[in-house]
Protein backbone atom coordinates (compact mmCIF):
# COMPACT_ATOMS: atom_id res chain seq x y z
CA MET A 1 70.25 130.01 116.44
CA LYS A 2 70.88 128.22 112.81
CA GLY A 3 74.30 127.11 111.73
CA VAL A 4 75.82 125.26 109.14
CA LEU A 5 78.02 121.86 108.96
CA LEU A 6 80.32 121.00 106.16
CA VAL A 7 81.61 117.68 105.85
CA ASN A 8 84.22 116.10 104.00
CA LEU A 9 85.68 112.78 103.73
CA GLY A 10 89.22 113.28 105.53
CA SER A 11 92.20 112.63 105.55
CA PRO A 12 95.39 111.24 107.89
CA ASP A 13 97.40 113.53 110.06
CA SER A 14 100.65 112.99 108.35
CA PRO A 15 101.61 111.09 105.20
CA THR A 16 103.25 108.12 107.32
CA PRO A 17 102.27 105.01 107.86
CA LYS A 18 101.84 105.60 111.50
CA ASP A 19 99.03 108.18 110.77
CA VAL A 20 97.77 106.25 107.49
CA LYS A 21 97.01 103.17 109.34
CA PRO A 22 94.02 104.31 112.04
CA TYR A 23 93.32 106.63 109.38
CA LEU A 24 92.26 103.72 106.78
CA ASP A 25 91.19 101.45 109.67
CA GLU A 26 88.46 104.03 110.59
CA PHE A 27 87.69 104.51 106.84
CA LEU A 28 87.68 100.74 105.59
CA MET A 29 86.05 99.51 108.74
CA ASP A 30 82.91 101.44 107.85
CA GLU A 31 79.89 98.93 106.80
CA ARG A 32 78.70 101.52 104.21
CA VAL A 33 82.39 101.28 102.60
CA ILE A 34 83.05 97.67 102.60
CA ASP A 35 79.35 96.29 103.42
CA VAL A 36 80.00 92.52 104.32
CA PRO A 37 79.41 91.28 107.74
CA LYS A 38 81.47 92.68 110.76
CA TRP A 39 83.63 89.88 111.29
CA LEU A 40 84.18 89.38 107.69
CA ARG A 41 85.12 93.04 107.23
CA ASN A 42 87.73 92.83 110.48
CA VAL A 43 89.55 90.01 108.30
CA LEU A 44 89.77 91.78 105.27
CA VAL A 45 90.81 94.88 106.35
CA ARG A 46 92.76 94.55 109.54
CA GLY A 47 93.99 90.94 108.54
CA ILE A 48 95.04 91.61 105.22
CA ILE A 49 94.58 95.12 103.65
CA LEU A 50 96.27 96.94 106.82
CA GLN A 51 99.00 94.82 106.89
CA THR A 52 100.58 96.30 103.64
CA ARG A 53 98.23 99.32 102.26
CA PRO A 54 99.01 102.04 104.79
CA LYS A 55 102.88 102.22 103.70
CA LYS A 56 101.68 102.29 100.02
CA SER A 57 99.20 104.80 100.87
CA ALA A 58 101.59 106.96 102.91
CA GLU A 59 104.01 106.98 99.85
CA ALA A 60 100.84 108.11 97.50
CA TYR A 61 100.24 110.68 99.87
CA SER A 62 103.77 111.81 100.40
CA LYS A 63 103.55 112.65 96.86
CA ILE A 64 100.57 115.29 97.30
CA TRP A 65 101.28 116.44 100.49
CA TRP A 66 101.37 120.37 101.00
CA GLU A 67 103.88 122.25 103.47
CA GLU A 68 100.62 123.24 105.22
CA GLY A 69 99.14 119.81 105.28
CA SER A 70 96.86 117.28 103.79
CA PRO A 71 95.55 119.31 100.13
CA LEU A 72 91.80 117.80 101.00
CA ILE A 73 91.90 119.52 104.72
CA ILE A 74 93.89 122.62 103.72
CA ILE A 75 91.53 123.39 100.61
CA SER A 76 88.25 122.45 103.17
CA GLU A 77 89.29 124.84 105.78
CA ARG A 78 89.58 127.90 102.80
CA PHE A 79 86.47 126.78 101.70
CA ALA A 80 84.63 126.86 104.92
CA GLU A 81 86.52 130.19 105.80
CA LYS A 82 85.31 131.82 102.70
CA VAL A 83 81.89 130.71 103.12
CA ARG A 84 82.14 131.89 106.52
CA GLN A 85 82.54 135.44 105.51
CA LYS A 86 79.34 135.30 103.33
CA THR A 87 76.87 134.56 105.89
CA ASP A 88 75.75 135.68 109.30
CA MET A 89 75.45 132.17 110.51
CA PRO A 90 78.40 130.13 112.50
CA VAL A 91 80.09 127.86 109.53
CA ALA A 92 81.96 124.33 110.97
CA LEU A 93 83.82 122.20 109.24
CA GLY A 94 84.07 118.15 109.99
CA MET A 95 85.43 115.29 108.45
CA ARG A 96 83.74 111.62 108.19
CA TYR A 97 87.02 110.06 109.14
CA GLY A 98 89.84 110.91 110.89
CA SER A 99 90.99 113.46 113.80
CA MET A 100 88.52 116.51 112.71
CA SER A 101 85.88 114.51 113.59
CA ILE A 102 82.23 115.58 113.09
CA ARG A 103 81.62 115.50 116.75
CA LYS A 104 84.20 118.31 117.39
CA ALA A 105 82.25 120.39 114.47
CA LEU A 106 78.94 119.91 116.43
CA GLU A 107 80.54 120.76 119.49
CA GLU A 108 81.82 124.28 117.92
CA LEU A 109 78.38 125.10 116.61
CA LYS A 110 77.00 124.20 120.14
CA GLU A 111 79.59 126.42 121.65
CA LYS A 112 77.98 129.47 119.46
CA ASP A 113 74.61 128.46 120.70
CA VAL A 114 73.37 126.96 117.35
CA ASP A 115 70.65 124.43 117.93
CA GLU A 116 69.33 124.25 114.17
CA VAL A 117 71.91 122.76 111.99
CA LEU A 118 72.18 122.57 108.03
CA LEU A 119 74.23 119.53 107.40
CA VAL A 120 76.11 119.77 103.78
CA PRO A 121 77.70 116.63 102.55
CA LEU A 122 80.40 117.84 100.28
CA TYR A 123 79.42 115.42 97.59
CA PRO A 124 77.41 116.07 94.77
CA HIS A 125 76.07 112.74 94.36
CA TYR A 126 74.25 110.05 96.43
CA ALA A 127 76.11 106.87 97.34
CA MET A 128 76.64 104.67 100.20
CA SER A 129 79.91 105.09 100.86
CA SER A 130 80.00 108.82 100.66
CA TYR A 131 76.77 110.80 100.98
CA GLU A 132 74.98 108.33 102.98
CA THR A 133 77.64 107.45 105.67
CA VAL A 134 78.02 111.41 106.13
CA VAL A 135 74.04 111.73 106.97
CA VAL A 136 74.13 108.56 108.97
CA LYS A 137 77.17 109.14 111.36
CA THR A 138 76.13 113.07 111.93
CA MET A 139 72.70 111.63 112.88
CA GLU A 140 74.15 109.41 115.24
CA VAL A 141 76.23 111.76 116.72
CA GLN A 142 74.05 114.22 116.90
CA GLN A 143 71.34 111.72 118.63
CA GLU A 144 73.97 110.56 121.04
CA HIS A 145 75.91 113.83 122.17
CA PHE A 146 73.41 116.69 120.76
CA PRO A 147 69.94 115.79 121.18
CA GLU A 148 68.92 119.21 121.80
CA MET A 149 69.92 119.91 118.06
CA GLN A 150 67.53 119.71 114.97
CA LEU A 151 69.09 118.54 111.82
CA THR A 152 68.63 119.20 108.21
CA THR A 153 70.34 117.94 105.25
CA MET A 154 71.04 119.25 102.09
CA PRO A 155 70.31 117.05 99.16
CA ALA A 156 72.70 115.71 96.67
CA PHE A 157 73.25 118.60 94.13
CA TYR A 158 74.42 116.90 91.23
CA SER A 159 71.80 118.01 89.04
CA SER A 160 71.03 121.78 90.38
CA PRO A 161 71.17 124.40 87.60
CA ASP A 162 73.32 126.82 89.65
CA TYR A 163 76.05 124.11 90.31
CA ILE A 164 75.92 122.74 86.57
CA LYS A 165 76.59 126.44 86.04
CA VAL A 166 79.46 126.70 88.16
CA LEU A 167 80.97 123.34 87.47
CA SER A 168 80.77 123.66 83.56
CA GLU A 169 82.29 127.34 83.63
CA SER A 170 85.17 125.95 86.06
CA ILE A 171 85.74 123.22 83.43
CA ALA A 172 85.75 125.86 80.22
CA GLU A 173 88.43 127.64 81.80
CA GLY A 174 90.35 124.41 82.47
CA LEU A 175 89.95 123.91 78.65
CA LYS A 176 91.23 127.27 77.91
CA ASP A 177 93.90 126.94 75.40
CA PHE A 178 94.05 123.36 75.29
CA GLU A 179 92.60 121.62 72.01
CA TYR A 180 91.31 118.50 73.00
CA ASP A 181 90.70 115.12 71.37
CA HIS A 182 88.49 113.69 73.81
CA ILE A 183 87.11 114.91 77.57
CA LEU A 184 86.98 112.12 80.34
CA PHE A 185 84.41 112.51 83.20
CA SER A 186 86.09 110.14 85.97
CA TYR A 187 83.49 109.51 89.01
CA HIS A 188 84.78 107.86 91.81
CA GLY A 189 83.78 104.04 91.76
CA ILE A 190 81.86 101.98 93.85
CA PRO A 191 80.95 98.50 93.84
CA GLU A 192 77.80 97.25 91.54
CA ARG A 193 75.87 96.17 94.60
CA HIS A 194 75.82 99.20 96.08
CA ILE A 195 73.93 100.46 93.40
CA ARG A 196 71.32 97.56 93.62
CA LYS A 197 71.45 98.28 97.78
CA SER A 198 70.48 101.88 97.13
CA ASP A 199 67.38 101.21 94.88
CA PRO A 200 64.36 101.57 97.04
CA THR A 201 62.61 99.79 94.25
CA LYS A 202 64.43 96.49 94.63
CA PHE A 203 64.04 95.86 90.78
CA HIS A 204 65.03 98.90 88.83
CA CYS A 205 68.71 99.05 88.90
CA LYS A 206 69.87 96.35 86.58
CA ILE A 207 73.00 98.32 85.34
CA ASP A 208 72.16 97.42 81.92
CA GLY A 209 73.01 100.18 79.95
CA SER A 210 69.22 101.21 79.82
CA CYS A 211 67.69 101.50 83.57
CA CYS A 212 69.57 105.29 84.32
CA LYS A 213 67.81 106.44 81.16
CA ILE A 214 64.22 105.13 82.43
CA ASN A 215 62.81 107.77 84.92
CA SER A 216 62.28 106.00 88.30
CA VAL A 217 62.58 106.92 91.89
CA ALA A 218 65.33 104.88 92.30
CA HIS A 219 67.45 107.91 90.55
CA HIS A 220 67.19 109.80 94.16
CA THR A 221 69.69 107.37 95.47
CA CYS A 222 71.54 106.01 92.28
CA TYR A 223 74.81 107.10 92.13
CA ARG A 224 75.36 105.70 88.68
CA HIS A 225 72.42 107.54 87.53
CA GLN A 226 73.38 110.88 88.93
CA CYS A 227 77.36 110.61 87.85
CA TYR A 228 75.62 110.45 83.93
CA ASP A 229 73.38 113.07 84.30
CA THR A 230 76.06 115.41 85.47
CA THR A 231 78.08 114.46 82.73
CA GLU A 232 75.10 115.13 80.38
CA LEU A 233 74.19 118.32 81.77
CA VAL A 234 77.55 119.98 81.49
CA LYS A 235 77.90 118.48 78.03
CA ALA A 236 74.79 120.50 77.20
CA TYR A 237 75.74 123.53 78.89
CA LEU A 238 78.91 123.56 77.43
CA GLY A 239 77.85 122.42 73.94
CA LEU A 240 80.63 119.83 74.08
CA PRO A 241 80.66 117.23 70.97
CA GLU A 242 78.89 114.13 71.62
CA ASP A 243 81.88 112.00 70.39
CA LYS A 244 84.40 113.79 72.53
CA VAL A 245 83.13 113.26 75.88
CA SER A 246 82.38 109.89 77.95
CA SER A 247 82.49 108.71 81.65
CA SER A 248 84.02 106.26 83.81
CA PHE A 249 85.03 105.29 87.08
CA GLN A 250 88.14 105.21 89.12
CA SER A 251 89.49 103.45 92.26
CA ARG A 252 88.38 99.96 93.22
CA LEU A 253 89.14 97.01 95.31
CA ALA A 254 89.81 93.79 93.88
CA GLY A 255 86.96 91.24 93.72
CA ASP A 256 83.14 92.06 93.27
CA PRO A 257 82.67 94.14 90.09
CA TRP A 258 82.79 97.71 90.23
CA LEU A 259 81.07 100.08 88.03
CA LYS A 260 82.42 100.36 84.49
CA PRO A 261 84.09 101.34 82.37
CA TYR A 262 86.96 101.43 84.62
CA THR A 263 88.86 104.78 84.38
CA ASP A 264 92.63 103.31 83.77
CA TYR A 265 91.32 101.15 80.92
CA GLU A 266 89.60 104.52 79.36
CA PHE A 267 93.14 105.81 79.30
CA GLU A 268 94.80 103.01 77.26
CA ARG A 269 91.51 102.43 75.00
CA LEU A 270 91.56 106.27 74.18
CA ALA A 271 94.95 106.28 73.64
CA LYS A 272 95.11 103.24 71.60
CA GLU A 273 92.27 104.92 69.22
CA GLY A 274 94.14 107.82 68.52
CA LYS A 275 93.26 110.17 71.30
CA LYS A 276 96.31 112.22 71.62
CA ARG A 277 95.29 115.05 73.55
CA LEU A 278 92.99 114.58 76.96
CA ALA A 279 91.29 116.55 79.44
CA VAL A 280 90.23 114.56 82.36
CA ILE A 281 87.88 115.92 84.79
CA THR A 282 86.91 114.49 88.28
CA PRO A 283 83.21 115.75 89.31
CA ALA A 284 82.78 113.36 92.12
CA PHE A 285 84.57 115.44 94.20
CA VAL A 286 84.46 119.27 95.10
CA SER A 287 87.85 119.29 96.37
CA ASP A 288 91.19 118.00 95.29
CA CYS A 289 92.37 114.94 97.27
CA LEU A 290 94.65 111.87 96.90
CA GLU A 291 92.28 110.38 94.00
CA THR A 292 92.62 113.72 91.91
CA LEU A 293 96.02 114.77 92.59
CA GLU A 294 97.77 111.57 92.65
CA GLU A 295 95.73 108.83 91.09
CA ILE A 296 94.36 111.01 88.11
CA ALA A 297 97.02 114.10 87.80
CA MET A 298 100.27 111.89 87.97
CA GLU A 299 99.42 108.05 87.72
CA GLY A 300 96.65 108.85 85.08
CA LYS A 301 99.16 111.03 83.12
CA GLU A 302 101.71 108.21 82.97
CA GLN A 303 99.01 105.92 81.88
CA PHE A 304 97.85 107.84 79.12
CA GLU A 305 101.32 108.65 78.11
CA GLU A 306 102.58 105.15 77.96
CA ALA A 307 99.57 103.94 75.97
CA GLY A 308 100.56 106.41 73.14
CA GLY A 309 98.83 109.71 74.54
CA GLU A 310 100.50 112.74 73.77
CA HIS A 311 99.35 115.98 75.92
CA TYR A 312 97.45 115.55 79.08
CA ILE A 313 95.50 118.10 81.60
CA HIS A 314 93.99 117.26 84.70
CA ILE A 315 91.11 119.90 85.55
CA PRO A 316 91.22 120.77 89.15
CA CYS A 317 87.98 120.44 91.25
CA LEU A 318 85.88 123.47 92.42
CA ASN A 319 88.03 123.74 95.61
CA ASP A 320 87.50 126.96 97.10
CA SER A 321 86.86 129.07 93.58
CA GLU A 322 84.81 132.32 94.38
CA ALA A 323 82.14 130.82 92.03
CA TRP A 324 81.60 127.65 94.52
CA VAL A 325 81.97 129.88 97.54
CA SER A 326 79.69 132.18 96.33
CA LEU A 327 77.24 129.28 95.33
CA MET A 328 77.55 127.53 98.84
CA ALA A 329 76.42 130.97 100.55
CA GLN A 330 73.90 131.37 98.63
CA TRP A 331 72.29 127.91 99.31
CA VAL A 332 72.96 127.94 102.97
CA ASN A 333 71.36 131.86 103.40
CA LYS A 334 68.39 130.52 101.15
CA TRP A 335 67.90 127.84 104.02
CA GLU A 336 68.40 130.55 107.03
CA SER A 337 65.95 133.25 105.53
CA LYS A 338 63.30 130.68 104.05
CA GLU A 339 63.64 127.34 106.11
CA THR A 340 63.34 125.61 102.69
CA LEU A 341 66.24 123.35 101.58
CA PRO A 342 68.26 125.33 98.71
CA VAL A 343 68.43 122.75 96.31
């Protein structure tokens, strides 16, 4: 029997330092998130970061925590349940990090006699620290605990026409009655070295402003190219003015250079250039989470207004919207009936 495994990022069990610390430990000790030798990762994460970060992160989680629990978990569960109602296949939900593990989700599918699994990383773009780590972890768990299962992985869907349509129409809905001066597409940031590491040619990705525009096999795994491509596709679909749209990258650790421009710097730049009315979109995520609800919707608004901006909106992620649920159900049902990848 065929079944579907949806995988999202994950969340601590509660917004307390006690629960945030083991979650951050699992996340930051992932070699695809902090890609340095294990001994150095141990020093950085357990010797330095985890000494102070859990308390700060717990405070941030407390700001966005819902009565039912973690927003990302609740939204993902609602999404999975709605997809489940639109397909005849079993649908399980797992998280890359935290107690709601991929192994538990595969066990759930096994109990329903599933032996062919469509893995759907809930990330539109390919990156070592998101899409790739989900695929690798799922393969490791499958091979160790469920060797009888066959695994098929859905490709990154950042440029799928159907996905761009759903994303664009969601953005259009969010922009209703808001006369913007500028729209900022803010993507999750990653270190520049991740782009070069993911380049199969080992020479194409120079991050020089032009390589993303030159056709290459490297684009299949180039997060930077895929983010800019998403912006351009949405801009074309909605007919957005060229001079009123830009892209940036949020969330970074000190040290090595990360993808630029940085979102927090853009808030200041745009406000000082006289952009008084700003709309911000976070298309690297399909579900609202700490990075969208606290960093962008709350902190971003403060940063923009402190720099002189006046009106600021954050357009929600696709979450469990009917159009997004229907598209995912369409994809998984195509895979079931045609035995082909849906995107």
